[in-house]
Amino acid sequence: MPDPLRRVDALVDADTLPSPRVRQQLRVAAGLTQAEVADAIGVQRVAVARWEAGLTQPHRGNRLKYAHLLRRLATKYPDAAKEAPSED
């Protein structure tokens, strides 16, 4: 029987999102527009803009799709997945 903690970890990891800044960096590195990301996930472009600005978070179903996309992009563009130092 699979370890119950592994199943819990899989659920948590499945929808973990990077910071809004990294979300945008990944999208830009892939040459994607907010509209293209929105179309792939099934939301309006403004939703992606708000997610990247840190104004809102995607709901569970969209969050899973968005997290999956970002993980795939992070694998393809590892440098873009790095948190840039803040400009304070």
PDB file of N, CA and C in Angstrom:
ATOM      1  N   MET A   1       0.844  -1.187   0.000  1.00  0.00           N
ATOM      2  CA  MET A   1       0.000   0.000   0.000  1.00  0.00           C
ATOM      3  C   MET A   1       0.888   1.249   0.000  1.00  0.00           C
ATOM      4  N   PRO A   2       0.603   2.224  -0.869  1.00  0.00           N
ATOM      5  CA  PRO A   2       1.423   3.435  -0.937  1.00  0.00           C
ATOM      6  C   PRO A   2       1.373   4.220   0.381  1.00  0.00           C
ATOM      7  N   ASP A   3       2.448   4.875   0.674  1.00  0.00           N
ATOM      8  CA  ASP A   3       2.553   5.687   1.882  1.00  0.00           C
ATOM      9  C   ASP A   3       1.568   6.855   1.806  1.00  0.00           C
ATOM     10  N   PRO A   4       0.672   7.018   2.804  1.00  0.00           N
ATOM     11  CA  PRO A   4      -0.294   8.121   2.775  1.00  0.00           C
ATOM     12  C   PRO A   4       0.367   9.495   2.747  1.00  0.00           C
ATOM     13  N   LEU A   5       1.512   9.637   3.376  1.00  0.00           N
ATOM     14  CA  LEU A   5       2.191  10.930   3.363  1.00  0.00           C
ATOM     15  C   LEU A   5       2.684  11.296   1.969  1.00  0.00           C
ATOM     16  N   ARG A   6       3.071  10.300   1.202  1.00  0.00           N
ATOM     17  CA  ARG A   6       3.485  10.571  -0.183  1.00  0.00           C
ATOM     18  C   ARG A   6       2.313  11.087  -1.007  1.00  0.00           C
ATOM     19  N   ARG A   7       1.131  10.520  -0.780  1.00  0.00           N
ATOM     20  CA  ARG A   7      -0.052  10.985  -1.502  1.00  0.00           C
ATOM     21  C   ARG A   7      -0.384  12.420  -1.114  1.00  0.00           C
ATOM     22  N   VAL A   8      -0.236  12.740   0.166  1.00  0.00           N
ATOM     23  CA  VAL A   8      -0.478  14.113   0.630  1.00  0.00           C
ATOM     24  C   VAL A   8       0.547  15.052  -0.001  1.00  0.00           C
ATOM     25  N   ASP A   9       1.811  14.661   0.017  1.00  0.00           N
ATOM     26  CA  ASP A   9       2.851  15.492  -0.594  1.00  0.00           C
ATOM     27  C   ASP A   9       2.575  15.716  -2.075  1.00  0.00           C
ATOM     28  N   ALA A  10       2.117  14.694  -2.757  1.00  0.00           N
ATOM     29  CA  ALA A  10       1.818  14.818  -4.190  1.00  0.00           C
ATOM     30  C   ALA A  10       0.709  15.832  -4.422  1.00  0.00           C
ATOM     31  N   LEU A  11      -0.293  15.838  -3.565  1.00  0.00           N
ATOM     32  CA  LEU A  11      -1.376  16.818  -3.699  1.00  0.00           C
ATOM     33  C   LEU A  11      -0.870  18.231  -3.479  1.00  0.00           C
ATOM     34  N   VAL A  12      -0.061  18.407  -2.480  1.00  0.00           N
ATOM     35  CA  VAL A  12       0.464  19.741  -2.172  1.00  0.00           C
ATOM     36  C   VAL A  12       1.399  20.209  -3.268  1.00  0.00           C
ATOM     37  N   ASP A  13       2.304  19.347  -3.685  1.00  0.00           N
ATOM     38  CA  ASP A  13       3.266  19.723  -4.715  1.00  0.00           C
ATOM     39  C   ASP A  13       2.605  19.977  -6.061  1.00  0.00           C
ATOM     40  N   ALA A  14       1.485  19.331  -6.314  1.00  0.00           N
ATOM     41  CA  ALA A  14       0.823  19.442  -7.607  1.00  0.00           C
ATOM     42  C   ALA A  14       0.371  20.859  -7.910  1.00  0.00           C
ATOM     43  N   ASP A  15       0.051  21.630  -6.870  1.00  0.00           N
ATOM     44  CA  ASP A  15      -0.444  22.979  -7.145  1.00  0.00           C
ATOM     45  C   ASP A  15       0.400  24.077  -6.518  1.00  0.00           C
ATOM     46  N   THR A  16       1.664  23.765  -6.234  1.00  0.00           N
ATOM     47  CA  THR A  16       2.572  24.770  -5.691  1.00  0.00           C
ATOM     48  C   THR A  16       3.035  25.683  -6.826  1.00  0.00           C
ATOM     49  N   LEU A  17       2.884  26.979  -6.612  1.00  0.00           N
ATOM     50  CA  LEU A  17       3.255  27.957  -7.634  1.00  0.00           C
ATOM     51  C   LEU A  17       4.490  28.743  -7.207  1.00  0.00           C
ATOM     52  N   PRO A  18       5.331  29.111  -8.167  1.00  0.00           N
ATOM     53  CA  PRO A  18       6.457  29.992  -7.846  1.00  0.00           C
ATOM     54  C   PRO A  18       5.941  31.414  -7.609  1.00  0.00           C
ATOM     55  N   SER A  19       6.831  32.293  -7.254  1.00  0.00           N
ATOM     56  CA  SER A  19       6.449  33.692  -7.031  1.00  0.00           C
ATOM     57  C   SER A  19       5.883  34.287  -8.320  1.00  0.00           C
ATOM     58  N   PRO A  20       5.083  35.335  -8.203  1.00  0.00           N
ATOM     59  CA  PRO A  20       4.547  35.988  -9.407  1.00  0.00           C
ATOM     60  C   PRO A  20       5.639  36.411 -10.390  1.00  0.00           C
ATOM     61  N   ARG A  21       6.764  36.896  -9.869  1.00  0.00           N
ATOM     62  CA  ARG A  21       7.859  37.333 -10.747  1.00  0.00           C
ATOM     63  C   ARG A  21       8.396  36.167 -11.573  1.00  0.00           C
ATOM     64  N   VAL A  22       8.572  35.015 -10.939  1.00  0.00           N
ATOM     65  CA  VAL A  22       9.085  33.838 -11.640  1.00  0.00           C
ATOM     66  C   VAL A  22       8.056  33.334 -12.647  1.00  0.00           C
ATOM     67  N   ARG A  23       6.782  33.413 -12.324  1.00  0.00           N
ATOM     68  CA  ARG A  23       5.731  33.014 -13.274  1.00  0.00           C
ATOM     69  C   ARG A  23       5.889  33.800 -14.572  1.00  0.00           C
ATOM     70  N   GLN A  24       6.072  35.112 -14.432  1.00  0.00           N
ATOM     71  CA  GLN A  24       6.220  35.954 -15.611  1.00  0.00           C
ATOM     72  C   GLN A  24       7.519  35.626 -16.346  1.00  0.00           C
ATOM     73  N   GLN A  25       8.608  35.452 -15.609  1.00  0.00           N
ATOM     74  CA  GLN A  25       9.907  35.143 -16.224  1.00  0.00           C
ATOM     75  C   GLN A  25       9.819  33.864 -17.042  1.00  0.00           C
ATOM     76  N   LEU A  26       9.141  32.859 -16.524  1.00  0.00           N
ATOM     77  CA  LEU A  26       9.004  31.593 -17.252  1.00  0.00           C
ATOM     78  C   LEU A  26       8.212  31.776 -18.536  1.00  0.00           C
ATOM     79  N   ARG A  27       7.126  32.513 -18.442  1.00  0.00           N
ATOM     80  CA  ARG A  27       6.293  32.746 -19.631  1.00  0.00           C
ATOM     81  C   ARG A  27       7.090  33.492 -20.702  1.00  0.00           C
ATOM     82  N   VAL A  28       7.788  34.543 -20.291  1.00  0.00           N
ATOM     83  CA  VAL A  28       8.566  35.348 -21.232  1.00  0.00           C
ATOM     84  C   VAL A  28       9.691  34.515 -21.845  1.00  0.00           C
ATOM     85  N   ALA A  29      10.373  33.707 -21.025  1.00  0.00           N
ATOM     86  CA  ALA A  29      11.465  32.864 -21.535  1.00  0.00           C
ATOM     87  C   ALA A  29      10.965  31.913 -22.613  1.00  0.00           C
ATOM     88  N   ALA A  30       9.725  31.462 -22.468  1.00  0.00           N
ATOM     89  CA  ALA A  30       9.150  30.541 -23.451  1.00  0.00           C
ATOM     90  C   ALA A  30       8.594  31.276 -24.673  1.00  0.00           C
ATOM     91  N   GLY A  31       8.604  32.604 -24.627  1.00  0.00           N
ATOM     92  CA  GLY A  31       8.080  33.379 -25.747  1.00  0.00           C
ATOM     93  C   GLY A  31       6.569  33.329 -25.852  1.00  0.00           C
ATOM     94  N   LEU A  32       5.916  33.123 -24.719  1.00  0.00           N
ATOM     95  CA  LEU A  32       4.454  33.036 -24.712  1.00  0.00           C
ATOM     96  C   LEU A  32       3.840  34.351 -24.263  1.00  0.00           C
ATOM     97  N   THR A  33       2.686  34.655 -24.794  1.00  0.00           N
ATOM     98  CA  THR A  33       1.942  35.822 -24.341  1.00  0.00           C
ATOM     99  C   THR A  33       1.008  35.393 -23.208  1.00  0.00           C
ATOM    100  N   GLN A  34       0.528  36.375 -22.477  1.00  0.00           N
ATOM    101  CA  GLN A  34      -0.460  36.074 -21.438  1.00  0.00           C
ATOM    102  C   GLN A  34      -1.705  35.456 -22.069  1.00  0.00           C
ATOM    103  N   ALA A  35      -2.069  35.907 -23.246  1.00  0.00           N
ATOM    104  CA  ALA A  35      -3.243  35.365 -23.934  1.00  0.00           C
ATOM    105  C   ALA A  35      -3.049  33.889 -24.284  1.00  0.00           C
ATOM    106  N   GLU A  36      -1.853  33.516 -24.706  1.00  0.00           N
ATOM    107  CA  GLU A  36      -1.583  32.113 -25.037  1.00  0.00           C
ATOM    108  C   GLU A  36      -1.661  31.225 -23.794  1.00  0.00           C
ATOM    109  N   VAL A  37      -1.111  31.708 -22.690  1.00  0.00           N
ATOM    110  CA  VAL A  37      -1.182  30.949 -21.439  1.00  0.00           C
ATOM    111  C   VAL A  37      -2.639  30.829 -20.993  1.00  0.00           C
ATOM    112  N   ALA A  38      -3.363  31.925 -21.067  1.00  0.00           N
ATOM    113  CA  ALA A  38      -4.769  31.927 -20.675  1.00  0.00           C
ATOM    114  C   ALA A  38      -5.577  30.946 -21.521  1.00  0.00           C
ATOM    115  N   ASP A  39      -5.338  30.941 -22.810  1.00  0.00           N
ATOM    116  CA  ASP A  39      -6.052  30.028 -23.710  1.00  0.00           C
ATOM    117  C   ASP A  39      -5.753  28.570 -23.362  1.00  0.00           C
ATOM    118  N   ALA A  40      -4.507  28.274 -23.056  1.00  0.00           N
ATOM    119  CA  ALA A  40      -4.121  26.901 -22.716  1.00  0.00           C
ATOM    120  C   ALA A  40      -4.785  26.435 -21.419  1.00  0.00           C
ATOM    121  N   ILE A  41      -4.952  27.353 -20.478  1.00  0.00           N
ATOM    122  CA  ILE A  41      -5.537  27.007 -19.182  1.00  0.00           C
ATOM    123  C   ILE A  41      -7.063  27.076 -19.218  1.00  0.00           C
ATOM    124  N   GLY A  42      -7.586  27.942 -20.098  1.00  0.00           N
ATOM    125  CA  GLY A  42      -9.035  28.092 -20.199  1.00  0.00           C
ATOM    126  C   GLY A  42      -9.586  29.244 -19.377  1.00  0.00           C
ATOM    127  N   VAL A  43      -8.791  30.332 -19.291  1.00  0.00           N
ATOM    128  CA  VAL A  43      -9.218  31.517 -18.559  1.00  0.00           C
ATOM    129  C   VAL A  43      -9.044  32.744 -19.450  1.00  0.00           C
ATOM    130  N   GLN A  44      -9.456  33.887 -18.952  1.00  0.00           N
ATOM    131  CA  GLN A  44      -9.260  35.145 -19.664  1.00  0.00           C
ATOM    132  C   GLN A  44      -7.818  35.625 -19.454  1.00  0.00           C
ATOM    133  N   ARG A  45      -7.306  36.392 -20.398  1.00  0.00           N
ATOM    134  CA  ARG A  45      -5.942  36.919 -20.298  1.00  0.00           C
ATOM    135  C   ARG A  45      -5.748  37.729 -19.024  1.00  0.00           C
ATOM    136  N   VAL A  46      -6.752  38.480 -18.623  1.00  0.00           N
ATOM    137  CA  VAL A  46      -6.631  39.314 -17.423  1.00  0.00           C
ATOM    138  C   VAL A  46      -6.371  38.466 -16.176  1.00  0.00           C
ATOM    139  N   ALA A  47      -6.848  37.226 -16.150  1.00  0.00           N
ATOM    140  CA  ALA A  47      -6.587  36.340 -15.011  1.00  0.00           C
ATOM    141  C   ALA A  47      -5.093  36.050 -14.908  1.00  0.00           C
ATOM    142  N   VAL A  48      -4.460  35.746 -16.030  1.00  0.00           N
ATOM    143  CA  VAL A  48      -3.016  35.480 -16.034  1.00  0.00           C
ATOM    144  C   VAL A  48      -2.257  36.738 -15.623  1.00  0.00           C
ATOM    145  N   ALA A  49      -2.681  37.885 -16.112  1.00  0.00           N
ATOM    146  CA  ALA A  49      -2.035  39.152 -15.735  1.00  0.00           C
ATOM    147  C   ALA A  49      -2.114  39.362 -14.226  1.00  0.00           C
ATOM    148  N   ARG A  50      -3.258  39.064 -13.633  1.00  0.00           N
ATOM    149  CA  ARG A  50      -3.423  39.237 -12.181  1.00  0.00           C
ATOM    150  C   ARG A  50      -2.594  38.221 -11.402  1.00  0.00           C
ATOM    151  N   TRP A  51      -2.502  36.993 -11.919  1.00  0.00           N
ATOM    152  CA  TRP A  51      -1.672  35.983 -11.255  1.00  0.00           C
ATOM    153  C   TRP A  51      -0.212  36.407 -11.274  1.00  0.00           C
ATOM    154  N   GLU A  52       0.245  36.929 -12.411  1.00  0.00           N
ATOM    155  CA  GLU A  52       1.640  37.354 -12.540  1.00  0.00           C
ATOM    156  C   GLU A  52       1.931  38.600 -11.715  1.00  0.00           C
ATOM    157  N   ALA A  53       0.918  39.408 -11.474  1.00  0.00           N
ATOM    158  CA  ALA A  53       1.094  40.609 -10.659  1.00  0.00           C
ATOM    159  C   ALA A  53       0.958  40.304  -9.171  1.00  0.00           C
ATOM    160  N   GLY A  54       0.533  39.097  -8.847  1.00  0.00           N
ATOM    161  CA  GLY A  54       0.351  38.722  -7.453  1.00  0.00           C
ATOM    162  C   GLY A  54      -0.920  39.285  -6.844  1.00  0.00           C
ATOM    163  N   LEU A  55      -1.839  39.745  -7.694  1.00  0.00           N
ATOM    164  CA  LEU A  55      -3.093  40.328  -7.199  1.00  0.00           C
ATOM    165  C   LEU A  55      -4.113  39.271  -6.819  1.00  0.00           C
ATOM    166  N   THR A  56      -4.109  38.154  -7.534  1.00  0.00           N
ATOM    167  CA  THR A  56      -5.024  37.054  -7.248  1.00  0.00           C
ATOM    168  C   THR A  56      -4.278  35.736  -7.436  1.00  0.00           C
ATOM    169  N   GLN A  57      -4.909  34.671  -6.999  1.00  0.00           N
ATOM    170  CA  GLN A  57      -4.377  33.324  -7.179  1.00  0.00           C
ATOM    171  C   GLN A  57      -5.407  32.512  -7.954  1.00  0.00           C
ATOM    172  N   PRO A  58      -4.957  31.583  -8.784  1.00  0.00           N
ATOM    173  CA  PRO A  58      -5.916  30.749  -9.517  1.00  0.00           C
ATOM    174  C   PRO A  58      -6.673  29.811  -8.579  1.00  0.00           C
ATOM    175  N   HIS A  59      -7.917  29.523  -8.939  1.00  0.00           N
ATOM    176  CA  HIS A  59      -8.708  28.545  -8.200  1.00  0.00           C
ATOM    177  C   HIS A  59      -8.135  27.156  -8.434  1.00  0.00           C
ATOM    178  N   ARG A  60      -8.528  26.203  -7.626  1.00  0.00           N
ATOM    179  CA  ARG A  60      -7.939  24.856  -7.589  1.00  0.00           C
ATOM    180  C   ARG A  60      -7.736  24.221  -8.973  1.00  0.00           C
ATOM    181  N   GLY A  61      -8.782  24.111  -9.777  1.00  0.00           N
ATOM    182  CA  GLY A  61      -8.641  23.459 -11.084  1.00  0.00           C
ATOM    183  C   GLY A  61      -7.667  24.190 -11.993  1.00  0.00           C
ATOM    184  N   ASN A  62      -7.793  25.513 -12.047  1.00  0.00           N
ATOM    185  CA  ASN A  62      -6.881  26.307 -12.869  1.00  0.00           C
ATOM    186  C   ASN A  62      -5.483  26.324 -12.273  1.00  0.00           C
ATOM    187  N   ARG A  63      -5.419  26.281 -10.963  1.00  0.00           N
ATOM    188  CA  ARG A  63      -4.128  26.275 -10.281  1.00  0.00           C
ATOM    189  C   ARG A  63      -3.327  25.026 -10.646  1.00  0.00           C
ATOM    190  N   LEU A  64      -3.995  23.892 -10.702  1.00  0.00           N
ATOM    191  CA  LEU A  64      -3.313  22.648 -11.086  1.00  0.00           C
ATOM    192  C   LEU A  64      -2.769  22.739 -12.508  1.00  0.00           C
ATOM    193  N   LYS A  65      -3.580  23.262 -13.425  1.00  0.00           N
ATOM    194  CA  LYS A  65      -3.133  23.395 -14.817  1.00  0.00           C
ATOM    195  C   LYS A  65      -1.983  24.396 -14.931  1.00  0.00           C
ATOM    196  N   TYR A  66      -2.126  25.517 -14.235  1.00  0.00           N
ATOM    197  CA  TYR A  66      -1.100  26.566 -14.282  1.00  0.00           C
ATOM    198  C   TYR A  66       0.210  26.056 -13.675  1.00  0.00           C
ATOM    199  N   ALA A  67       0.127  25.380 -12.538  1.00  0.00           N
ATOM    200  CA  ALA A  67       1.318  24.830 -11.896  1.00  0.00           C
ATOM    201  C   ALA A  67       2.005  23.815 -12.807  1.00  0.00           C
ATOM    202  N   HIS A  68       1.207  22.994 -13.487  1.00  0.00           N
ATOM    203  CA  HIS A  68       1.768  22.003 -14.410  1.00  0.00           C
ATOM    204  C   HIS A  68       2.519  22.708 -15.548  1.00  0.00           C
ATOM    205  N   LEU A  69       1.902  23.724 -16.114  1.00  0.00           N
ATOM    206  CA  LEU A  69       2.547  24.493 -17.185  1.00  0.00           C
ATOM    207  C   LEU A  69       3.856  25.104 -16.688  1.00  0.00           C
ATOM    208  N   LEU A  70       3.811  25.723 -15.519  1.00  0.00           N
ATOM    209  CA  LEU A  70       5.014  26.382 -14.997  1.00  0.00           C
ATOM    210  C   LEU A  70       6.124  25.387 -14.681  1.00  0.00           C
ATOM    211  N   ARG A  71       5.776  24.210 -14.172  1.00  0.00           N
ATOM    212  CA  ARG A  71       6.796  23.173 -13.926  1.00  0.00           C
ATOM    213  C   ARG A  71       7.448  22.747 -15.232  1.00  0.00           C
ATOM    214  N   ARG A  72       6.643  22.576 -16.265  1.00  0.00           N
ATOM    215  CA  ARG A  72       7.199  22.182 -17.575  1.00  0.00           C
ATOM    216  C   ARG A  72       8.122  23.275 -18.118  1.00  0.00           C
ATOM    217  N   LEU A  73       7.699  24.532 -17.979  1.00  0.00           N
ATOM    218  CA  LEU A  73       8.536  25.637 -18.446  1.00  0.00           C
ATOM    219  C   LEU A  73       9.818  25.739 -17.625  1.00  0.00           C
ATOM    220  N   ALA A  74       9.735  25.494 -16.321  1.00  0.00           N
ATOM    221  CA  ALA A  74      10.920  25.560 -15.458  1.00  0.00           C
ATOM    222  C   ALA A  74      11.933  24.490 -15.844  1.00  0.00           C
ATOM    223  N   THR A  75      11.451  23.340 -16.279  1.00  0.00           N
ATOM    224  CA  THR A  75      12.343  22.275 -16.724  1.00  0.00           C
ATOM    225  C   THR A  75      13.053  22.682 -18.013  1.00  0.00           C
ATOM    226  N   LYS A  76      12.300  23.337 -18.884  1.00  0.00           N
ATOM    227  CA  LYS A  76      12.847  23.739 -20.181  1.00  0.00           C
ATOM    228  C   LYS A  76      13.716  24.999 -20.076  1.00  0.00           C
ATOM    229  N   TYR A  77      13.367  25.886 -19.149  1.00  0.00           N
ATOM    230  CA  TYR A  77      14.079  27.161 -18.986  1.00  0.00           C
ATOM    231  C   TYR A  77      14.497  27.340 -17.517  1.00  0.00           C
ATOM    232  N   PRO A  78      15.462  26.549 -17.049  1.00  0.00           N
ATOM    233  CA  PRO A  78      15.822  26.590 -15.621  1.00  0.00           C
ATOM    234  C   PRO A  78      16.325  27.944 -15.135  1.00  0.00           C
ATOM    235  N   ASP A  79      16.997  28.691 -15.999  1.00  0.00           N
ATOM    236  CA  ASP A  79      17.479  30.005 -15.574  1.00  0.00           C
ATOM    237  C   ASP A  79      16.324  30.955 -15.268  1.00  0.00           C
ATOM    238  N   ALA A  80      15.249  30.837 -16.005  1.00  0.00           N
ATOM    239  CA  ALA A  80      14.086  31.703 -15.787  1.00  0.00           C
ATOM    240  C   ALA A  80      13.355  31.336 -14.505  1.00  0.00           C
ATOM    241  N   ALA A  81      13.578  30.130 -14.019  1.00  0.00           N
ATOM    242  CA  ALA A  81      12.899  29.672 -12.794  1.00  0.00           C
ATOM    243  C   ALA A  81      13.566  30.187 -11.537  1.00  0.00           C
ATOM    244  N   LYS A  82      14.703  30.843 -11.679  1.00  0.00           N
ATOM    245  CA  LYS A  82      15.421  31.355 -10.526  1.00  0.00           C
ATOM    246  C   LYS A  82      14.803  32.674 -10.080  1.00  0.00           C
ATOM    247  N   GLU A  83      14.701  32.830  -8.778  1.00  0.00           N
ATOM    248  CA  GLU A  83      14.171  34.059  -8.200  1.00  0.00           C
ATOM    249  C   GLU A  83      15.208  35.156  -8.371  1.00  0.00           C
ATOM    250  N   ALA A  84      14.836  36.246  -9.031  1.00  0.00           N
ATOM    251  CA  ALA A  84      15.740  37.372  -9.201  1.00  0.00           C
ATOM    252  C   ALA A  84      15.797  38.178  -7.898  1.00  0.00           C
ATOM    253  N   PRO A  85      16.936  38.767  -7.599  1.00  0.00           N
ATOM    254  CA  PRO A  85      17.006  39.583  -6.383  1.00  0.00           C
ATOM    255  C   PRO A  85      16.037  40.752  -6.479  1.00  0.00           C
ATOM    256  N   SER A  86      15.431  41.103  -5.360  1.00  0.00           N
ATOM    257  CA  SER A  86      14.464  42.213  -5.387  1.00  0.00           C
ATOM    258  C   SER A  86      15.201  43.522  -5.599  1.00  0.00           C
ATOM    259  N   GLU A  87      14.496  44.475  -6.155  1.00  0.00           N
ATOM    260  CA  GLU A  87      15.101  45.773  -6.488  1.00  0.00           C
ATOM    261  C   GLU A  87      14.654  46.822  -5.482  1.00  0.00           C
ATOM    262  N   ASP A  88      14.758  46.505  -4.198  1.00  0.00           N
ATOM    263  CA  ASP A  88      14.334  47.448  -3.152  1.00  0.00           C
ATOM    264  C   ASP A  88      15.372  48.505  -2.896  1.00  0.00           C
TER     265      ASP A  88
END
